[in-house]
Protein backbone atom coordinates (compact mmCIF):
# COMPACT_ATOMS: atom_id res chain seq x y z
CA MET A 1 8.59 -17.39 5.29
CA LYS A 2 10.03 -15.28 2.52
CA ALA A 3 8.33 -11.89 2.68
CA GLY A 4 8.68 -9.00 0.27
CA ILE A 5 8.13 -5.42 1.42
CA VAL A 6 7.57 -2.71 -1.16
CA VAL A 7 8.41 0.74 0.23
CA ALA A 8 7.55 3.89 -1.71
CA VAL A 9 8.92 6.82 0.31
CA GLU A 10 9.01 5.54 3.90
CA ILE A 11 12.42 3.82 3.82
CA ALA A 12 13.70 5.71 6.89
CA SER A 13 11.22 3.77 9.04
CA ILE A 14 12.67 0.48 7.75
CA GLU A 15 16.22 1.62 8.50
CA LYS A 16 15.27 2.53 12.06
CA ARG A 17 13.44 -0.73 12.81
CA PHE A 18 15.63 -3.31 11.05
CA LYS A 19 19.41 -3.37 11.28
CA ASN A 20 22.39 -4.79 9.39
CA PRO A 21 20.81 -5.84 6.10
CA GLU A 22 22.51 -7.83 3.42
CA VAL A 23 22.56 -5.55 0.39
CA LEU A 24 21.68 -7.40 -2.79
CA ARG A 25 21.68 -6.05 -6.32
CA THR A 26 19.57 -7.31 -9.18
CA HIS A 27 19.77 -5.50 -12.48
CA THR A 28 19.83 -1.82 -11.42
CA GLN A 29 17.80 -2.32 -8.22
CA GLU A 30 19.08 -2.54 -4.66
CA VAL A 31 17.27 -4.97 -2.38
CA LEU A 32 17.80 -5.16 1.39
CA LYS A 33 17.63 -8.65 2.90
CA TYR A 34 16.93 -9.12 6.60
CA SER A 35 17.09 -12.51 8.31
CA ILE A 36 14.82 -12.53 11.36
CA ASP A 37 14.42 -15.83 13.21
CA ASP A 38 13.35 -18.27 10.48
CA ASP A 39 12.11 -15.57 8.12
CA GLU A 40 13.75 -13.80 5.22
CA ILE A 41 12.50 -10.30 4.49
CA PHE A 42 13.35 -8.64 1.19
CA VAL A 43 12.82 -4.87 1.07
CA ILE A 44 12.84 -2.71 -2.04
CA HIS A 45 12.67 1.09 -1.98
CA CYS A 46 10.86 1.80 -5.22
CA GLY A 47 9.93 5.47 -4.94
CA ALA A 48 6.51 6.95 -5.54
CA GLY A 49 4.00 5.89 -8.18
CA GLU A 50 2.07 2.95 -9.59
CA ILE A 51 4.60 1.95 -12.26
CA ALA A 52 7.55 1.98 -9.84
CA ALA A 53 5.56 -0.01 -7.26
CA SER A 54 4.40 -2.55 -9.83
CA ALA A 55 7.94 -3.06 -11.15
CA ALA A 56 9.30 -3.49 -7.62
CA THR A 57 6.57 -5.98 -6.75
CA GLN A 58 7.28 -8.05 -9.84
CA LEU A 59 11.01 -8.03 -9.13
CA LEU A 60 10.51 -9.38 -5.61
CA ILE A 61 8.22 -12.10 -6.92
CA SER A 62 10.33 -13.10 -9.92
CA GLU A 63 13.85 -12.77 -8.51
CA PHE A 64 13.32 -13.79 -4.87
CA ASN A 65 10.24 -16.02 -5.04
CA VAL A 66 8.62 -14.34 -2.04
CA ASP A 67 5.59 -15.97 -0.44
CA ALA A 68 3.71 -12.70 0.03
CA ILE A 69 4.05 -8.98 -0.61
CA PHE A 70 3.57 -6.44 2.15
CA ASN A 71 3.31 -2.67 1.88
CA PHE A 72 3.02 0.00 4.54
CA GLY A 73 2.88 3.73 4.27
CA VAL A 74 1.26 7.10 4.64
CA VAL A 75 -1.92 8.09 2.81
CA GLY A 76 -4.42 10.90 2.49
CA GLY A 77 -7.78 10.68 4.26
CA LEU A 78 -10.93 11.28 2.24
CA THR A 79 -13.49 11.31 5.06
CA GLU A 80 -13.66 12.95 8.46
CA GLU A 81 -14.04 9.55 10.12
CA ILE A 82 -10.86 8.04 8.67
CA SER A 83 -9.02 11.31 9.28
CA LYS A 84 -9.68 10.75 12.99
CA HIS A 85 -9.17 6.96 13.04
CA ARG A 86 -6.06 7.04 10.79
CA LEU A 87 -4.88 3.42 11.13
CA CYS A 88 -6.27 1.19 8.38
CA VAL A 89 -5.80 -1.88 6.20
CA VAL A 90 -6.72 -1.92 2.51
CA GLU A 91 -9.47 -4.41 1.66
CA SER A 92 -9.84 -3.24 -1.95
CA VAL A 93 -8.39 -0.66 -4.31
CA VAL A 94 -9.71 1.30 -7.26
CA HIS A 95 -7.26 2.57 -9.87
CA TYR A 96 -9.15 5.80 -10.41
CA GLU A 97 -6.99 7.01 -13.32
CA PHE A 98 -7.62 3.87 -15.38
CA ASP A 99 -10.26 4.86 -17.91
CA THR A 100 -11.37 2.99 -21.04
CA SER A 101 -14.91 4.35 -20.93
CA GLU A 102 -14.79 6.01 -24.35
CA ALA A 103 -13.79 2.72 -25.98
CA ASP A 104 -15.94 0.17 -24.16
CA GLY A 105 -18.36 2.02 -21.90
CA ASN A 106 -16.86 0.58 -18.73
CA PRO A 107 -16.90 2.75 -15.61
CA VAL A 108 -13.72 4.63 -14.73
CA GLY A 109 -11.42 2.27 -12.84
CA LYS A 110 -12.98 -0.91 -14.28
CA TYR A 111 -10.56 -3.56 -15.57
CA THR A 112 -12.21 -6.20 -17.76
CA LYS A 113 -10.78 -9.00 -15.62
CA TYR A 114 -12.61 -7.89 -12.47
CA ASP A 115 -16.30 -7.86 -11.63
CA SER A 116 -16.21 -4.31 -10.29
CA ILE A 117 -13.94 -1.31 -10.01
CA TYR A 118 -12.89 -2.50 -6.55
CA ILE A 119 -9.95 -4.91 -6.79
CA PRO A 120 -9.65 -6.97 -3.58
CA THR A 121 -6.55 -7.72 -1.56
CA ASP A 122 -5.94 -11.18 -0.12
CA LYS A 123 -8.83 -12.21 2.16
CA GLU A 124 -6.78 -14.58 4.34
CA LEU A 125 -4.03 -12.04 5.06
CA LEU A 126 -6.68 -9.39 5.71
CA LYS A 127 -8.48 -11.67 8.17
CA LYS A 128 -5.25 -12.53 9.96
CA ALA A 129 -4.22 -8.89 10.21
CA LEU A 130 -7.56 -7.97 11.80
CA GLU A 131 -7.22 -10.81 14.30
CA ILE A 132 -3.76 -9.62 15.33
CA VAL A 133 -4.55 -5.88 15.27
CA PRO A 134 -8.31 -5.48 15.80
CA GLU A 135 -8.10 -1.67 15.76
CA LEU A 136 -7.25 -1.72 12.05
CA LYS A 137 -10.08 -0.27 9.96
CA PRO A 138 -10.70 -2.03 6.61
CA VAL A 139 -10.96 0.58 3.84
CA ARG A 140 -11.30 1.07 0.13
CA CYS A 141 -8.34 2.88 -1.39
CA ALA A 142 -8.29 5.26 -4.36
CA SER A 143 -4.92 4.85 -6.06
CA GLY A 144 -3.47 6.96 -8.86
CA GLU A 145 -0.40 8.81 -10.11
CA LYS A 146 -1.16 12.07 -8.31
CA PHE A 147 -0.63 13.49 -4.84
CA ILE A 148 -4.03 14.69 -3.66
CA GLY A 149 -3.94 17.41 -1.01
CA ASP A 150 -6.79 19.71 -1.97
CA PRO A 151 -9.86 19.05 0.26
CA LYS A 152 -12.22 19.68 -2.66
CA ARG A 153 -10.47 17.04 -4.78
CA LYS A 154 -10.46 14.61 -1.84
CA LYS A 155 -14.21 15.01 -1.46
CA GLU A 156 -14.67 14.46 -5.19
CA LEU A 157 -12.73 11.18 -4.99
CA TYR A 158 -14.91 9.99 -2.15
CA ASP A 159 -18.12 11.02 -3.93
CA LEU A 160 -17.06 9.28 -7.14
CA PHE A 161 -15.64 6.06 -5.70
CA GLN A 162 -16.74 5.78 -2.05
CA THR A 163 -13.11 5.33 -1.00
CA GLU A 164 -11.82 6.38 2.41
CA ILE A 165 -8.13 6.93 1.56
CA CYS A 166 -5.99 7.88 -1.43
CA GLU A 167 -2.37 7.20 -2.34
CA MET A 168 -0.07 6.43 -5.29
CA GLU A 169 1.07 2.77 -5.23
CA ALA A 170 -1.66 0.37 -4.08
CA ALA A 171 -3.18 -0.40 -7.49
CA GLY A 172 0.20 -1.32 -8.96
CA ILE A 173 0.98 -3.64 -6.05
CA VAL A 174 -2.42 -5.32 -5.81
CA ILE A 175 -2.86 -5.91 -9.56
CA THR A 176 0.69 -7.25 -9.96
CA CYS A 177 0.27 -9.62 -7.02
CA ASP A 178 -3.06 -10.86 -8.34
CA ARG A 179 -1.59 -11.60 -11.77
CA ASN A 180 1.17 -13.64 -10.12
CA GLY A 181 -1.08 -15.45 -7.65
CA VAL A 182 0.83 -13.98 -4.70
CA PRO A 183 -1.08 -12.63 -1.68
CA CYS A 184 -0.57 -9.07 -0.51
CA LEU A 185 -1.36 -6.97 2.54
CA LEU A 186 -1.31 -3.16 2.71
CA ILE A 187 -1.18 -1.35 6.06
CA LYS A 188 -1.76 2.40 5.85
CA MET A 189 -1.75 5.36 8.21
CA VAL A 190 -3.44 8.66 7.35
CA ALA A 191 -0.85 11.45 7.36
CA ASP A 192 -3.02 14.24 5.97
CA GLY A 193 -6.71 14.22 6.85
CA LEU A 194 -9.59 15.54 4.80
CA PHE A 195 -8.58 19.16 5.42
CA GLY A 196 -4.90 18.68 6.21
CA GLU A 197 -3.28 19.23 2.79
CA LYS A 198 0.48 18.98 2.27
CA GLU A 199 1.43 20.84 5.46
CA GLU A 200 -0.12 18.15 7.65
CA TYR A 201 1.34 15.44 5.41
CA TYR A 202 4.90 16.68 5.93
CA SER A 203 4.46 17.44 9.64
CA THR A 204 3.12 13.97 10.46
CA PHE A 205 5.03 11.93 7.88
CA THR A 206 7.66 10.38 10.15
CA GLU A 207 5.27 9.57 12.99
CA THR A 208 2.62 8.00 10.76
CA SER A 209 5.17 6.09 8.69
CA ASP A 210 6.74 4.60 11.83
CA LYS A 211 3.33 3.69 13.22
CA ALA A 212 2.29 1.90 10.02
CA LEU A 213 5.51 -0.13 10.06
CA ASP A 214 5.06 -0.93 13.76
CA VAL A 215 1.69 -2.48 12.94
CA LEU A 216 3.07 -4.39 9.97
CA GLY A 217 5.95 -5.61 12.12
CA LYS A 218 3.53 -6.94 14.71
CA ILE A 219 1.58 -8.80 12.04
CA LEU A 220 4.77 -10.35 10.62
CA GLU A 221 5.87 -11.43 14.10
CA GLU A 222 2.56 -12.92 15.22
CA ARG A 223 1.02 -14.26 12.01
């Protein structure tokens, strides 16, 4: 299998888990290639944000012809339940900053191509992930170009979109994969709960990032 991993800000977890990569360069991007058993894993550290994540996803698909895209990382929790559970897998994403409502009357987050504001991830990869790691909680993800720490704003996101987590890359990854016909899987770990704000995010970042990658690693090994 040729797997692509898009990493926003959690690259230290990759460097701890996987060793001795082949460093590839394409255009101005650095890609780390790991050969594990019969698999090739291509990792790109894109930085935060939808545009960066979308560009990195497209590069892995176009330049390395990967079979699937994987993403892991830390997120904010929008409900008390997910703030306690923490370990989750994205079943659908809403790009909550996409808004054409004044032009066409569509709800915020609604792309014309999709039947609803909730854009699904790959059903087969999701099913397999839940078989391998049953404790994963399937969630809806609110994705946009803004770090959300304020509990009031988190509650507003949940009330508006009924999403359990929020972050800054999922929409770019999922939409790009869908347009290329490439499956994707997103494993997330809540770093800052509903009332945690940025202090909890920074204090738990390393632990939650490592845990999310541990789960992804298990799925890659046992799929």
